[in-house]
């Protein structure tokens, strides 16, 4: 059996196309991807099939193409370069579905049901009875990762159990049929998360507490001026809390003038600066950060065929790798009978 070659540093990561990306996505993953594309061979998946696990309605499916367009525009705007990485469409690679079917035979239902994230996803989507596809979400993820034989998976700590499922499936396959798959390693990035503008947990489009990368300067101003701060501070002369205050969390991430940030924190704790001044300075910092992102987005929007060309090129490249993987899988398993 011929074992497929795999570069030591091949990465698989990506997003479900559910709409525009926001500052939380930038802090949590996009910033890291821009750096990774120069260090590794990167495959960035547009995981449209994963949308069906929680949003199978025809109306939701109809929104996917527009969401893909918005998401890839955001990729380009933050500096992800399709000449240095591969951006591909999950549903455009049928080998992923074939691999998913094989992997379903290598993991038990109780093992999948132990993953707390599956129930969390169901709760967030308002699903009472778990669909088979949602329970098998981590198996499809394993197929995403192993179809290009990725060796590294950038992931947050809360998703480490999903990568472990992939590792278990790869080991199980190799044990049964021979060494085909690398055992991918999780790549823990920054543990930074960005709070929502309302101060209730992480930033999320569905909660309406997000500042999108494509928001206009006026939208940013409105969102920031409405931001949650210290609820106990009813006047500017009352000392306030900086810790746990979303406005200062955003200053720490996006205001490069650290001297200004430290001055604001000191005066805020002493009751010598009002929320309005702190927020106005944040508006200035955020719009300065977002202006070049907006400009790159505008430039990308000038070419109506750009997104389609990027996806077709990246998907063709992914199909080459996935095709090689499936050839080796069939050979290892003995599924080569009656083939031309």
C-alpha atoms as a PDB file:
ATOM      1  CA  UNK A   1       0.000   0.000   0.000  1.00  0.00           C
ATOM      2  CA  UNK A   2       1.286   3.429  -0.957  1.00  0.00           C
ATOM      3  CA  UNK A   3       1.048   5.844   1.954  1.00  0.00           C
ATOM      4  CA  UNK A   4       0.148   9.402   0.896  1.00  0.00           C
ATOM      5  CA  UNK A   5       2.740  12.087   1.490  1.00  0.00           C
ATOM      6  CA  UNK A   6       1.771  14.868   3.863  1.00  0.00           C
ATOM      7  CA  UNK A   7       3.739  18.023   4.672  1.00  0.00           C
ATOM      8  CA  UNK A   8       4.588  18.222   8.372  1.00  0.00           C
ATOM      9  CA  UNK A   9       2.887  21.585   8.666  1.00  0.00           C
ATOM     10  CA  UNK A  10      -0.527  21.381   7.016  1.00  0.00           C
ATOM     11  CA  UNK A  11      -3.421  23.200   8.678  1.00  0.00           C
ATOM     12  CA  UNK A  12      -7.192  22.838   8.414  1.00  0.00           C
ATOM     13  CA  UNK A  13      -9.512  25.392   9.960  1.00  0.00           C
ATOM     14  CA  UNK A  14     -12.459  27.468   8.867  1.00  0.00           C
ATOM     15  CA  UNK A  15     -15.980  28.727   9.524  1.00  0.00           C
ATOM     16  CA  UNK A  16     -19.623  27.981   8.903  1.00  0.00           C
ATOM     17  CA  UNK A  17     -21.041  30.565   6.457  1.00  0.00           C
ATOM     18  CA  UNK A  18     -23.685  32.097   8.694  1.00  0.00           C
ATOM     19  CA  UNK A  19     -23.056  35.762   7.916  1.00  0.00           C
ATOM     20  CA  UNK A  20     -20.579  38.576   8.292  1.00  0.00           C
ATOM     21  CA  UNK A  21     -17.627  38.165  10.634  1.00  0.00           C
ATOM     22  CA  UNK A  22     -17.040  40.425  13.630  1.00  0.00           C
ATOM     23  CA  UNK A  23     -14.276  41.678  15.889  1.00  0.00           C
ATOM     24  CA  UNK A  24     -14.600  38.590  18.078  1.00  0.00           C
ATOM     25  CA  UNK A  25     -13.763  36.403  15.079  1.00  0.00           C
ATOM     26  CA  UNK A  26     -10.746  38.586  14.381  1.00  0.00           C
ATOM     27  CA  UNK A  27      -9.396  38.301  17.925  1.00  0.00           C
ATOM     28  CA  UNK A  28     -10.224  34.601  18.246  1.00  0.00           C
ATOM     29  CA  UNK A  29      -9.042  33.233  14.892  1.00  0.00           C
ATOM     30  CA  UNK A  30      -8.662  35.523  11.873  1.00  0.00           C
ATOM     31  CA  UNK A  31      -5.643  37.387  13.217  1.00  0.00           C
ATOM     32  CA  UNK A  32      -3.943  34.046  13.811  1.00  0.00           C
ATOM     33  CA  UNK A  33      -4.768  32.765  10.320  1.00  0.00           C
ATOM     34  CA  UNK A  34      -3.123  35.754   8.667  1.00  0.00           C
ATOM     35  CA  UNK A  35       0.117  34.785  10.419  1.00  0.00           C
ATOM     36  CA  UNK A  36      -0.302  31.041   9.804  1.00  0.00           C
ATOM     37  CA  UNK A  37      -0.635  31.368   6.022  1.00  0.00           C
ATOM     38  CA  UNK A  38       3.051  32.323   5.804  1.00  0.00           C
ATOM     39  CA  UNK A  39       4.224  29.540   8.118  1.00  0.00           C
ATOM     40  CA  UNK A  40       2.201  26.503   7.007  1.00  0.00           C
ATOM     41  CA  UNK A  41       0.258  25.053   4.102  1.00  0.00           C
ATOM     42  CA  UNK A  42      -3.227  26.215   5.029  1.00  0.00           C
ATOM     43  CA  UNK A  43      -6.628  24.895   3.988  1.00  0.00           C
ATOM     44  CA  UNK A  44      -9.472  27.171   5.092  1.00  0.00           C
ATOM     45  CA  UNK A  45     -12.844  25.440   4.854  1.00  0.00           C
ATOM     46  CA  UNK A  46     -16.149  27.147   4.123  1.00  0.00           C
ATOM     47  CA  UNK A  47     -18.150  24.598   6.080  1.00  0.00           C
ATOM     48  CA  UNK A  48     -21.546  24.923   4.401  1.00  0.00           C
ATOM     49  CA  UNK A  49     -22.614  21.334   5.124  1.00  0.00           C
ATOM     50  CA  UNK A  50     -22.160  21.993   8.833  1.00  0.00           C
ATOM     51  CA  UNK A  51     -24.825  24.704   8.578  1.00  0.00           C
ATOM     52  CA  UNK A  52     -27.387  21.972   7.893  1.00  0.00           C
ATOM     53  CA  UNK A  53     -26.809  20.380  11.297  1.00  0.00           C
ATOM     54  CA  UNK A  54     -28.668  23.223  13.029  1.00  0.00           C
ATOM     55  CA  UNK A  55     -30.281  25.118  10.129  1.00  0.00           C
ATOM     56  CA  UNK A  56     -31.676  22.606   7.615  1.00  0.00           C
ATOM     57  CA  UNK A  57     -34.636  24.769   6.556  1.00  0.00           C
ATOM     58  CA  UNK A  58     -34.816  25.770   2.892  1.00  0.00           C
ATOM     59  CA  UNK A  59     -34.773  29.459   3.854  1.00  0.00           C
ATOM     60  CA  UNK A  60     -31.498  28.977   5.733  1.00  0.00           C
ATOM     61  CA  UNK A  61     -29.951  27.123   2.809  1.00  0.00           C
ATOM     62  CA  UNK A  62     -31.011  29.937   0.452  1.00  0.00           C
ATOM     63  CA  UNK A  63     -28.991  32.396   2.568  1.00  0.00           C
ATOM     64  CA  UNK A  64     -25.762  30.377   2.335  1.00  0.00           C
ATOM     65  CA  UNK A  65     -24.426  31.815  -0.984  1.00  0.00           C
ATOM     66  CA  UNK A  66     -24.775  35.386   0.244  1.00  0.00           C
ATOM     67  CA  UNK A  67     -23.196  34.484   3.573  1.00  0.00           C
ATOM     68  CA  UNK A  68     -20.273  32.829   1.778  1.00  0.00           C
ATOM     69  CA  UNK A  69     -19.704  35.983  -0.241  1.00  0.00           C
ATOM     70  CA  UNK A  70     -19.716  38.155   2.886  1.00  0.00           C
ATOM     71  CA  UNK A  71     -17.431  35.786   4.789  1.00  0.00           C
ATOM     72  CA  UNK A  72     -14.807  35.501   2.066  1.00  0.00           C
ATOM     73  CA  UNK A  73     -14.848  39.277   1.613  1.00  0.00           C
ATOM     74  CA  UNK A  74     -14.061  39.536   5.325  1.00  0.00           C
ATOM     75  CA  UNK A  75     -11.235  37.013   4.874  1.00  0.00           C
ATOM     76  CA  UNK A  76      -9.676  39.140   2.142  1.00  0.00           C
ATOM     77  CA  UNK A  77     -10.261  42.337   4.081  1.00  0.00           C
ATOM     78  CA  UNK A  78      -8.260  41.201   7.125  1.00  0.00           C
ATOM     79  CA  UNK A  79      -5.346  40.000   4.979  1.00  0.00           C
ATOM     80  CA  UNK A  80      -5.987  36.337   4.215  1.00  0.00           C
ATOM     81  CA  UNK A  81      -4.380  35.890   0.801  1.00  0.00           C
ATOM     82  CA  UNK A  82      -5.714  33.147  -1.523  1.00  0.00           C
ATOM     83  CA  UNK A  83      -2.357  33.043  -3.290  1.00  0.00           C
ATOM     84  CA  UNK A  84      -0.805  31.856   0.009  1.00  0.00           C
ATOM     85  CA  UNK A  85      -3.591  29.516   1.206  1.00  0.00           C
ATOM     86  CA  UNK A  86      -6.475  27.388  -0.074  1.00  0.00           C
ATOM     87  CA  UNK A  87     -10.038  28.564   0.558  1.00  0.00           C
ATOM     88  CA  UNK A  88     -12.457  25.791  -0.385  1.00  0.00           C
ATOM     89  CA  UNK A  89     -16.144  24.895  -0.237  1.00  0.00           C
ATOM     90  CA  UNK A  90     -16.949  21.828   1.846  1.00  0.00           C
ATOM     91  CA  UNK A  91     -19.880  20.726  -0.328  1.00  0.00           C
ATOM     92  CA  UNK A  92     -17.675  21.018  -3.424  1.00  0.00           C
ATOM     93  CA  UNK A  93     -15.507  18.146  -2.174  1.00  0.00           C
ATOM     94  CA  UNK A  94     -17.624  14.946  -2.321  1.00  0.00           C
ATOM     95  CA  UNK A  95     -14.694  12.944  -0.952  1.00  0.00           C
ATOM     96  CA  UNK A  96     -15.392  14.541   2.447  1.00  0.00           C
ATOM     97  CA  UNK A  97     -18.870  12.992   2.514  1.00  0.00           C
ATOM     98  CA  UNK A  98     -17.423   9.616   1.453  1.00  0.00           C
ATOM     99  CA  UNK A  99     -14.843   9.770   4.219  1.00  0.00           C
ATOM    100  CA  UNK A 100     -17.500  10.825   6.716  1.00  0.00           C
ATOM    101  CA  UNK A 101     -19.501   7.672   5.942  1.00  0.00           C
ATOM    102  CA  UNK A 102     -16.464   5.455   6.553  1.00  0.00           C
ATOM    103  CA  UNK A 103     -15.558   7.272   9.763  1.00  0.00           C
ATOM    104  CA  UNK A 104     -19.105   6.829  11.123  1.00  0.00           C
ATOM    105  CA  UNK A 105     -18.314   3.108  11.371  1.00  0.00           C
ATOM    106  CA  UNK A 106     -15.276   3.762  13.572  1.00  0.00           C
ATOM    107  CA  UNK A 107     -16.840   5.643  16.491  1.00  0.00           C
ATOM    108  CA  UNK A 108     -19.652   4.761  18.870  1.00  0.00           C
ATOM    109  CA  UNK A 109     -22.771   6.761  19.635  1.00  0.00           C
ATOM    110  CA  UNK A 110     -22.047   6.904  23.403  1.00  0.00           C
ATOM    111  CA  UNK A 111     -18.611   8.393  22.627  1.00  0.00           C
ATOM    112  CA  UNK A 112     -20.198  11.203  20.635  1.00  0.00           C
ATOM    113  CA  UNK A 113     -22.957  11.796  23.162  1.00  0.00           C
ATOM    114  CA  UNK A 114     -20.361  12.512  25.847  1.00  0.00           C
ATOM    115  CA  UNK A 115     -19.330  15.716  24.057  1.00  0.00           C
ATOM    116  CA  UNK A 116     -20.941  18.634  25.913  1.00  0.00           C
ATOM    117  CA  UNK A 117     -20.562  20.953  22.920  1.00  0.00           C
ATOM    118  CA  UNK A 118     -23.173  19.035  20.915  1.00  0.00           C
ATOM    119  CA  UNK A 119     -25.898  19.687  23.472  1.00  0.00           C
ATOM    120  CA  UNK A 120     -24.745  23.306  23.724  1.00  0.00           C
ATOM    121  CA  UNK A 121     -25.165  23.694  19.951  1.00  0.00           C
ATOM    122  CA  UNK A 122     -28.623  22.149  20.129  1.00  0.00           C
ATOM    123  CA  UNK A 123     -29.648  24.455  22.980  1.00  0.00           C
ATOM    124  CA  UNK A 124     -28.371  27.501  21.115  1.00  0.00           C
ATOM    125  CA  UNK A 125     -30.386  26.491  18.038  1.00  0.00           C
ATOM    126  CA  UNK A 126     -33.504  25.689  20.070  1.00  0.00           C
ATOM    127  CA  UNK A 127     -33.380  21.986  19.122  1.00  0.00           C
ATOM    128  CA  UNK A 128     -34.972  19.609  21.652  1.00  0.00           C
ATOM    129  CA  UNK A 129     -34.419  16.216  19.977  1.00  0.00           C
ATOM    130  CA  UNK A 130     -30.894  15.785  18.606  1.00  0.00           C
ATOM    131  CA  UNK A 131     -30.787  15.044  14.854  1.00  0.00           C
ATOM    132  CA  UNK A 132     -28.419  12.278  13.768  1.00  0.00           C
ATOM    133  CA  UNK A 133     -26.390  14.801  11.772  1.00  0.00           C
ATOM    134  CA  UNK A 134     -25.827  17.027  14.788  1.00  0.00           C
ATOM    135  CA  UNK A 135     -24.681  14.102  16.943  1.00  0.00           C
ATOM    136  CA  UNK A 136     -22.302  13.210  14.103  1.00  0.00           C
ATOM    137  CA  UNK A 137     -21.008  16.772  13.728  1.00  0.00           C
ATOM    138  CA  UNK A 138     -17.574  15.835  15.155  1.00  0.00           C
ATOM    139  CA  UNK A 139     -17.294  12.911  12.701  1.00  0.00           C
ATOM    140  CA  UNK A 140     -17.855  15.232   9.744  1.00  0.00           C
ATOM    141  CA  UNK A 141     -15.261  17.544  11.283  1.00  0.00           C
ATOM    142  CA  UNK A 142     -12.859  14.610  11.375  1.00  0.00           C
ATOM    143  CA  UNK A 143     -13.488  14.064   7.662  1.00  0.00           C
ATOM    144  CA  UNK A 144     -12.837  17.779   7.029  1.00  0.00           C
ATOM    145  CA  UNK A 145      -9.514  17.568   8.847  1.00  0.00           C
ATOM    146  CA  UNK A 146      -8.314  14.230   7.508  1.00  0.00           C
ATOM    147  CA  UNK A 147      -9.419  14.605   3.875  1.00  0.00           C
ATOM    148  CA  UNK A 148      -6.384  16.862   3.222  1.00  0.00           C
ATOM    149  CA  UNK A 149      -4.419  14.904   5.856  1.00  0.00           C
ATOM    150  CA  UNK A 150      -3.954  17.975   8.011  1.00  0.00           C
ATOM    151  CA  UNK A 151      -1.344  17.683  10.730  1.00  0.00           C
ATOM    152  CA  UNK A 152      -2.348  20.746  12.762  1.00  0.00           C
ATOM    153  CA  UNK A 153      -5.765  22.099  13.787  1.00  0.00           C
ATOM    154  CA  UNK A 154      -5.970  25.626  15.249  1.00  0.00           C
ATOM    155  CA  UNK A 155      -8.608  25.392  17.944  1.00  0.00           C
ATOM    156  CA  UNK A 156      -9.866  26.992  21.118  1.00  0.00           C
ATOM    157  CA  UNK A 157      -9.617  25.100  24.379  1.00  0.00           C
ATOM    158  CA  UNK A 158     -13.384  24.417  24.434  1.00  0.00           C
ATOM    159  CA  UNK A 159     -13.126  22.550  21.110  1.00  0.00           C
ATOM    160  CA  UNK A 160     -10.212  20.312  22.074  1.00  0.00           C
ATOM    161  CA  UNK A 161     -12.598  17.333  22.584  1.00  0.00           C
ATOM    162  CA  UNK A 162     -13.568  17.553  18.902  1.00  0.00           C
ATOM    163  CA  UNK A 163      -9.956  17.313  17.795  1.00  0.00           C
ATOM    164  CA  UNK A 164      -9.534  14.343  20.111  1.00  0.00           C
ATOM    165  CA  UNK A 165     -12.385  12.577  18.293  1.00  0.00           C
ATOM    166  CA  UNK A 166     -10.485  13.136  15.035  1.00  0.00           C
ATOM    167  CA  UNK A 167      -7.310  11.726  16.561  1.00  0.00           C
ATOM    168  CA  UNK A 168      -9.180   8.654  17.837  1.00  0.00           C
ATOM    169  CA  UNK A 169     -10.751   8.016  14.425  1.00  0.00           C
ATOM    170  CA  UNK A 170      -7.382   8.376  12.659  1.00  0.00           C
ATOM    171  CA  UNK A 171      -5.737   5.948  15.085  1.00  0.00           C
ATOM    172  CA  UNK A 172      -8.620   3.498  14.755  1.00  0.00           C
ATOM    173  CA  UNK A 173      -8.464   3.564  10.950  1.00  0.00           C
ATOM    174  CA  UNK A 174      -4.682   3.155  10.899  1.00  0.00           C
ATOM    175  CA  UNK A 175      -4.897   0.276  13.359  1.00  0.00           C
ATOM    176  CA  UNK A 176      -7.514  -1.581  11.312  1.00  0.00           C
ATOM    177  CA  UNK A 177      -6.277  -0.950   7.783  1.00  0.00           C
ATOM    178  CA  UNK A 178      -2.754   0.486   7.766  1.00  0.00           C
ATOM    179  CA  UNK A 179      -1.046   3.843   8.109  1.00  0.00           C
ATOM    180  CA  UNK A 180      -2.945   6.302   5.940  1.00  0.00           C
ATOM    181  CA  UNK A 181      -3.650   9.260   8.208  1.00  0.00           C
ATOM    182  CA  UNK A 182      -1.389  11.493  10.286  1.00  0.00           C
ATOM    183  CA  UNK A 183      -2.580  11.989  13.870  1.00  0.00           C
ATOM    184  CA  UNK A 184      -3.338  15.725  13.859  1.00  0.00           C
ATOM    185  CA  UNK A 185      -2.222  17.885  16.745  1.00  0.00           C
ATOM    186  CA  UNK A 186      -4.365  20.674  18.169  1.00  0.00           C
ATOM    187  CA  UNK A 187      -2.779  24.099  17.857  1.00  0.00           C
ATOM    188  CA  UNK A 188      -3.952  26.208  20.772  1.00  0.00           C
ATOM    189  CA  UNK A 189      -3.915  29.872  19.885  1.00  0.00           C
ATOM    190  CA  UNK A 190      -4.523  32.902  22.029  1.00  0.00           C
ATOM    191  CA  UNK A 191      -7.061  32.368  24.784  1.00  0.00           C
ATOM    192  CA  UNK A 192      -8.309  35.908  24.240  1.00  0.00           C
ATOM    193  CA  UNK A 193     -12.027  36.341  23.744  1.00  0.00           C
ATOM    194  CA  UNK A 194     -13.878  39.572  23.117  1.00  0.00           C
ATOM    195  CA  UNK A 195     -16.952  40.313  25.243  1.00  0.00           C
ATOM    196  CA  UNK A 196     -20.148  41.359  23.571  1.00  0.00           C
ATOM    197  CA  UNK A 197     -21.072  45.032  23.564  1.00  0.00           C
ATOM    198  CA  UNK A 198     -23.819  44.235  26.084  1.00  0.00           C
ATOM    199  CA  UNK A 199     -21.379  42.670  28.539  1.00  0.00           C
ATOM    200  CA  UNK A 200     -23.123  39.275  28.459  1.00  0.00           C
ATOM    201  CA  UNK A 201     -20.552  36.701  27.423  1.00  0.00           C
ATOM    202  CA  UNK A 202     -18.765  36.453  24.081  1.00  0.00           C
ATOM    203  CA  UNK A 203     -19.528  38.565  21.060  1.00  0.00           C
ATOM    204  CA  UNK A 204     -22.141  36.867  18.880  1.00  0.00           C
ATOM    205  CA  UNK A 205     -24.142  37.861  15.811  1.00  0.00           C
ATOM    206  CA  UNK A 206     -27.152  35.894  17.065  1.00  0.00           C
ATOM    207  CA  UNK A 207     -27.165  37.843  20.349  1.00  0.00           C
ATOM    208  CA  UNK A 208     -26.976  41.194  18.567  1.00  0.00           C
ATOM    209  CA  UNK A 209     -23.946  42.277  20.587  1.00  0.00           C
ATOM    210  CA  UNK A 210     -21.347  42.271  17.808  1.00  0.00           C
ATOM    211  CA  UNK A 211     -19.349  44.882  15.914  1.00  0.00           C
ATOM    212  CA  UNK A 212     -18.812  43.509  12.414  1.00  0.00           C
ATOM    213  CA  UNK A 213     -15.622  43.991  10.438  1.00  0.00           C
ATOM    214  CA  UNK A 214     -17.689  45.572   7.669  1.00  0.00           C
ATOM    215  CA  UNK A 215     -19.656  47.989   9.869  1.00  0.00           C
ATOM    216  CA  UNK A 216     -19.538  51.627   8.793  1.00  0.00           C
ATOM    217  CA  UNK A 217     -17.853  54.295  10.959  1.00  0.00           C
ATOM    218  CA  UNK A 218     -21.286  55.554  11.993  1.00  0.00           C
ATOM    219  CA  UNK A 219     -22.472  52.032  12.895  1.00  0.00           C
ATOM    220  CA  UNK A 220     -19.372  51.584  15.049  1.00  0.00           C
ATOM    221  CA  UNK A 221     -19.991  54.902  16.760  1.00  0.00           C
ATOM    222  CA  UNK A 222     -23.597  53.982  17.594  1.00  0.00           C
ATOM    223  CA  UNK A 223     -22.671  50.530  18.870  1.00  0.00           C
ATOM    224  CA  UNK A 224     -19.840  51.812  21.054  1.00  0.00           C
ATOM    225  CA  UNK A 225     -21.848  54.669  22.539  1.00  0.00           C
ATOM    226  CA  UNK A 226     -24.508  52.123  23.584  1.00  0.00           C
ATOM    227  CA  UNK A 227     -21.984  49.745  25.140  1.00  0.00           C
ATOM    228  CA  UNK A 228     -22.395  48.302  28.599  1.00  0.00           C
ATOM    229  CA  UNK A 229     -19.930  49.693  31.156  1.00  0.00           C
ATOM    230  CA  UNK A 230     -19.892  49.662  34.976  1.00  0.00           C
ATOM    231  CA  UNK A 231     -23.588  49.464  36.025  1.00  0.00           C
ATOM    232  CA  UNK A 232     -22.813  50.920  39.459  1.00  0.00           C
ATOM    233  CA  UNK A 233     -21.313  54.088  38.033  1.00  0.00           C
ATOM    234  CA  UNK A 234     -24.188  56.538  37.651  1.00  0.00           C
ATOM    235  CA  UNK A 235     -21.999  59.682  37.573  1.00  0.00           C
ATOM    236  CA  UNK A 236     -18.600  60.474  36.109  1.00  0.00           C
ATOM    237  CA  UNK A 237     -17.188  61.404  39.536  1.00  0.00           C
ATOM    238  CA  UNK A 238     -17.864  57.940  40.967  1.00  0.00           C
ATOM    239  CA  UNK A 239     -14.836  55.605  40.802  1.00  0.00           C
ATOM    240  CA  UNK A 240     -15.489  52.805  38.312  1.00  0.00           C
ATOM    241  CA  UNK A 241     -14.319  49.279  37.615  1.00  0.00           C
ATOM    242  CA  UNK A 242     -12.002  48.679  34.684  1.00  0.00           C
ATOM    243  CA  UNK A 243     -11.878  44.919  35.146  1.00  0.00           C
ATOM    244  CA  UNK A 244     -14.804  43.232  33.405  1.00  0.00           C
ATOM    245  CA  UNK A 245     -15.685  46.472  31.627  1.00  0.00           C
ATOM    246  CA  UNK A 246     -16.128  45.736  27.890  1.00  0.00           C
ATOM    247  CA  UNK A 247     -15.120  49.239  26.833  1.00  0.00           C
ATOM    248  CA  UNK A 248     -11.667  48.787  28.325  1.00  0.00           C
ATOM    249  CA  UNK A 249     -11.379  45.230  26.975  1.00  0.00           C
ATOM    250  CA  UNK A 250     -11.816  46.720  23.498  1.00  0.00           C
ATOM    251  CA  UNK A 251      -9.288  49.474  24.257  1.00  0.00           C
ATOM    252  CA  UNK A 252      -6.762  46.808  25.268  1.00  0.00           C
ATOM    253  CA  UNK A 253      -7.241  44.930  21.976  1.00  0.00           C
ATOM    254  CA  UNK A 254      -7.593  47.756  19.477  1.00  0.00           C
ATOM    255  CA  UNK A 255      -6.169  51.008  20.852  1.00  0.00           C
ATOM    256  CA  UNK A 256      -2.440  51.080  20.007  1.00  0.00           C
ATOM    257  CA  UNK A 257      -1.909  54.150  22.213  1.00  0.00           C
ATOM    258  CA  UNK A 258      -1.196  52.311  25.445  1.00  0.00           C
ATOM    259  CA  UNK A 259      -0.276  55.516  27.231  1.00  0.00           C
ATOM    260  CA  UNK A 260      -3.756  56.862  26.517  1.00  0.00           C
ATOM    261  CA  UNK A 261      -5.368  53.587  27.626  1.00  0.00           C
ATOM    262  CA  UNK A 262      -3.493  53.539  30.931  1.00  0.00           C
ATOM    263  CA  UNK A 263      -4.392  57.190  31.557  1.00  0.00           C
ATOM    264  CA  UNK A 264      -8.070  56.450  30.924  1.00  0.00           C
ATOM    265  CA  UNK A 265      -7.966  53.466  33.265  1.00  0.00           C
ATOM    266  CA  UNK A 266      -6.329  55.477  36.032  1.00  0.00           C
ATOM    267  CA  UNK A 267      -8.802  58.340  35.772  1.00  0.00           C
ATOM    268  CA  UNK A 268     -11.749  55.949  35.487  1.00  0.00           C
ATOM    269  CA  UNK A 269     -10.772  54.215  38.716  1.00  0.00           C
ATOM    270  CA  UNK A 270     -10.443  57.610  40.394  1.00  0.00           C
ATOM    271  CA  UNK A 271     -13.743  58.992  39.094  1.00  0.00           C
ATOM    272  CA  UNK A 272     -12.058  61.653  36.959  1.00  0.00           C
ATOM    273  CA  UNK A 273     -13.330  60.700  33.499  1.00  0.00           C
ATOM    274  CA  UNK A 274     -16.782  59.984  32.142  1.00  0.00           C
ATOM    275  CA  UNK A 275     -17.961  57.004  30.099  1.00  0.00           C
ATOM    276  CA  UNK A 276     -18.649  59.293  27.127  1.00  0.00           C
ATOM    277  CA  UNK A 277     -15.007  60.362  26.800  1.00  0.00           C
ATOM    278  CA  UNK A 278     -13.772  56.780  27.192  1.00  0.00           C
ATOM    279  CA  UNK A 279     -16.204  55.595  24.528  1.00  0.00           C
ATOM    280  CA  UNK A 280     -15.394  58.415  22.094  1.00  0.00           C
ATOM    281  CA  UNK A 281     -11.721  57.525  22.254  1.00  0.00           C
ATOM    282  CA  UNK A 282     -12.656  53.890  21.618  1.00  0.00           C
ATOM    283  CA  UNK A 283     -14.684  54.900  18.562  1.00  0.00           C
ATOM    284  CA  UNK A 284     -11.612  56.683  17.194  1.00  0.00           C
ATOM    285  CA  UNK A 285      -9.362  53.671  17.853  1.00  0.00           C
ATOM    286  CA  UNK A 286     -11.780  51.123  16.376  1.00  0.00           C
ATOM    287  CA  UNK A 287     -12.411  53.104  13.216  1.00  0.00           C
ATOM    288  CA  UNK A 288      -8.672  53.619  12.739  1.00  0.00           C
ATOM    289  CA  UNK A 289      -8.246  49.842  13.027  1.00  0.00           C
ATOM    290  CA  UNK A 290     -11.152  49.071  10.699  1.00  0.00           C
ATOM    291  CA  UNK A 291     -10.445  51.690   8.001  1.00  0.00           C
ATOM    292  CA  UNK A 292      -7.801  49.640   6.111  1.00  0.00           C
ATOM    293  CA  UNK A 293     -10.019  46.539   6.461  1.00  0.00           C
ATOM    294  CA  UNK A 294     -12.927  48.447   4.948  1.00  0.00           C
ATOM    295  CA  UNK A 295     -10.715  49.666   2.103  1.00  0.00           C
ATOM    296  CA  UNK A 296      -9.488  46.166   1.229  1.00  0.00           C
ATOM    297  CA  UNK A 297     -13.091  44.997   1.296  1.00  0.00           C
ATOM    298  CA  UNK A 298     -14.143  47.793  -1.092  1.00  0.00           C
ATOM    299  CA  UNK A 299     -11.347  46.862  -3.482  1.00  0.00           C
ATOM    300  CA  UNK A 300     -12.378  43.191  -3.450  1.00  0.00           C
ATOM    301  CA  UNK A 301     -15.994  44.130  -4.119  1.00  0.00           C
ATOM    302  CA  UNK A 302     -14.962  45.846  -7.366  1.00  0.00           C
ATOM    303  CA  UNK A 303     -14.320  42.445  -8.992  1.00  0.00           C
ATOM    304  CA  UNK A 304     -17.655  40.553  -9.174  1.00  0.00           C
ATOM    305  CA  UNK A 305     -15.966  37.266 -10.158  1.00  0.00           C
ATOM    306  CA  UNK A 306     -13.251  37.355  -7.493  1.00  0.00           C
ATOM    307  CA  UNK A 307     -14.967  35.329  -4.770  1.00  0.00           C
ATOM    308  CA  UNK A 308     -16.146  32.658  -7.196  1.00  0.00           C
ATOM    309  CA  UNK A 309     -12.668  32.313  -8.720  1.00  0.00           C
ATOM    310  CA  UNK A 310     -11.028  32.031  -5.287  1.00  0.00           C
ATOM    311  CA  UNK A 311     -13.435  29.312  -4.171  1.00  0.00           C
ATOM    312  CA  UNK A 312     -13.229  27.328  -7.416  1.00  0.00           C
ATOM    313  CA  UNK A 313      -9.427  27.397  -7.350  1.00  0.00           C
ATOM    314  CA  UNK A 314      -9.198  26.433  -3.670  1.00  0.00           C
ATOM    315  CA  UNK A 315     -11.824  23.708  -4.036  1.00  0.00           C
ATOM    316  CA  UNK A 316     -10.021  22.194  -7.037  1.00  0.00           C
ATOM    317  CA  UNK A 317      -6.798  22.083  -5.000  1.00  0.00           C
ATOM    318  CA  UNK A 318      -8.606  20.475  -2.078  1.00  0.00           C
ATOM    319  CA  UNK A 319     -10.155  17.869  -4.377  1.00  0.00           C
ATOM    320  CA  UNK A 320      -6.682  16.853  -5.523  1.00  0.00           C
ATOM    321  CA  UNK A 321      -5.643  16.148  -1.950  1.00  0.00           C
ATOM    322  CA  UNK A 322      -8.939  14.549  -0.955  1.00  0.00           C
ATOM    323  CA  UNK A 323      -8.874  12.365  -4.077  1.00  0.00           C
ATOM    324  CA  UNK A 324      -5.409  11.116  -3.177  1.00  0.00           C
ATOM    325  CA  UNK A 325      -6.616  10.436   0.361  1.00  0.00           C
ATOM    326  CA  UNK A 326      -9.603   8.418  -0.847  1.00  0.00           C
ATOM    327  CA  UNK A 327      -7.477   6.390  -3.252  1.00  0.00           C
ATOM    328  CA  UNK A 328      -5.254   5.399  -0.340  1.00  0.00           C
ATOM    329  CA  UNK A 329      -8.265   4.744   1.913  1.00  0.00           C
ATOM    330  CA  UNK A 330      -9.890   2.424  -0.631  1.00  0.00           C
ATOM    331  CA  UNK A 331      -6.619   0.608  -1.236  1.00  0.00           C
ATOM    332  CA  UNK A 332      -5.987   0.183   2.493  1.00  0.00           C
ATOM    333  CA  UNK A 333      -9.512  -1.119   3.154  1.00  0.00           C
ATOM    334  CA  UNK A 334      -9.692  -3.318   0.064  1.00  0.00           C
ATOM    335  CA  UNK A 335     -12.537  -1.295  -1.463  1.00  0.00           C
ATOM    336  CA  UNK A 336     -11.002  -1.512  -4.916  1.00  0.00           C
ATOM    337  CA  UNK A 337     -13.061  -4.292  -6.456  1.00  0.00           C
ATOM    338  CA  UNK A 338     -14.804  -3.734  -9.807  1.00  0.00           C
ATOM    339  CA  UNK A 339     -13.119  -0.372 -10.351  1.00  0.00           C
ATOM    340  CA  UNK A 340     -11.808   0.724 -13.713  1.00  0.00           C
END
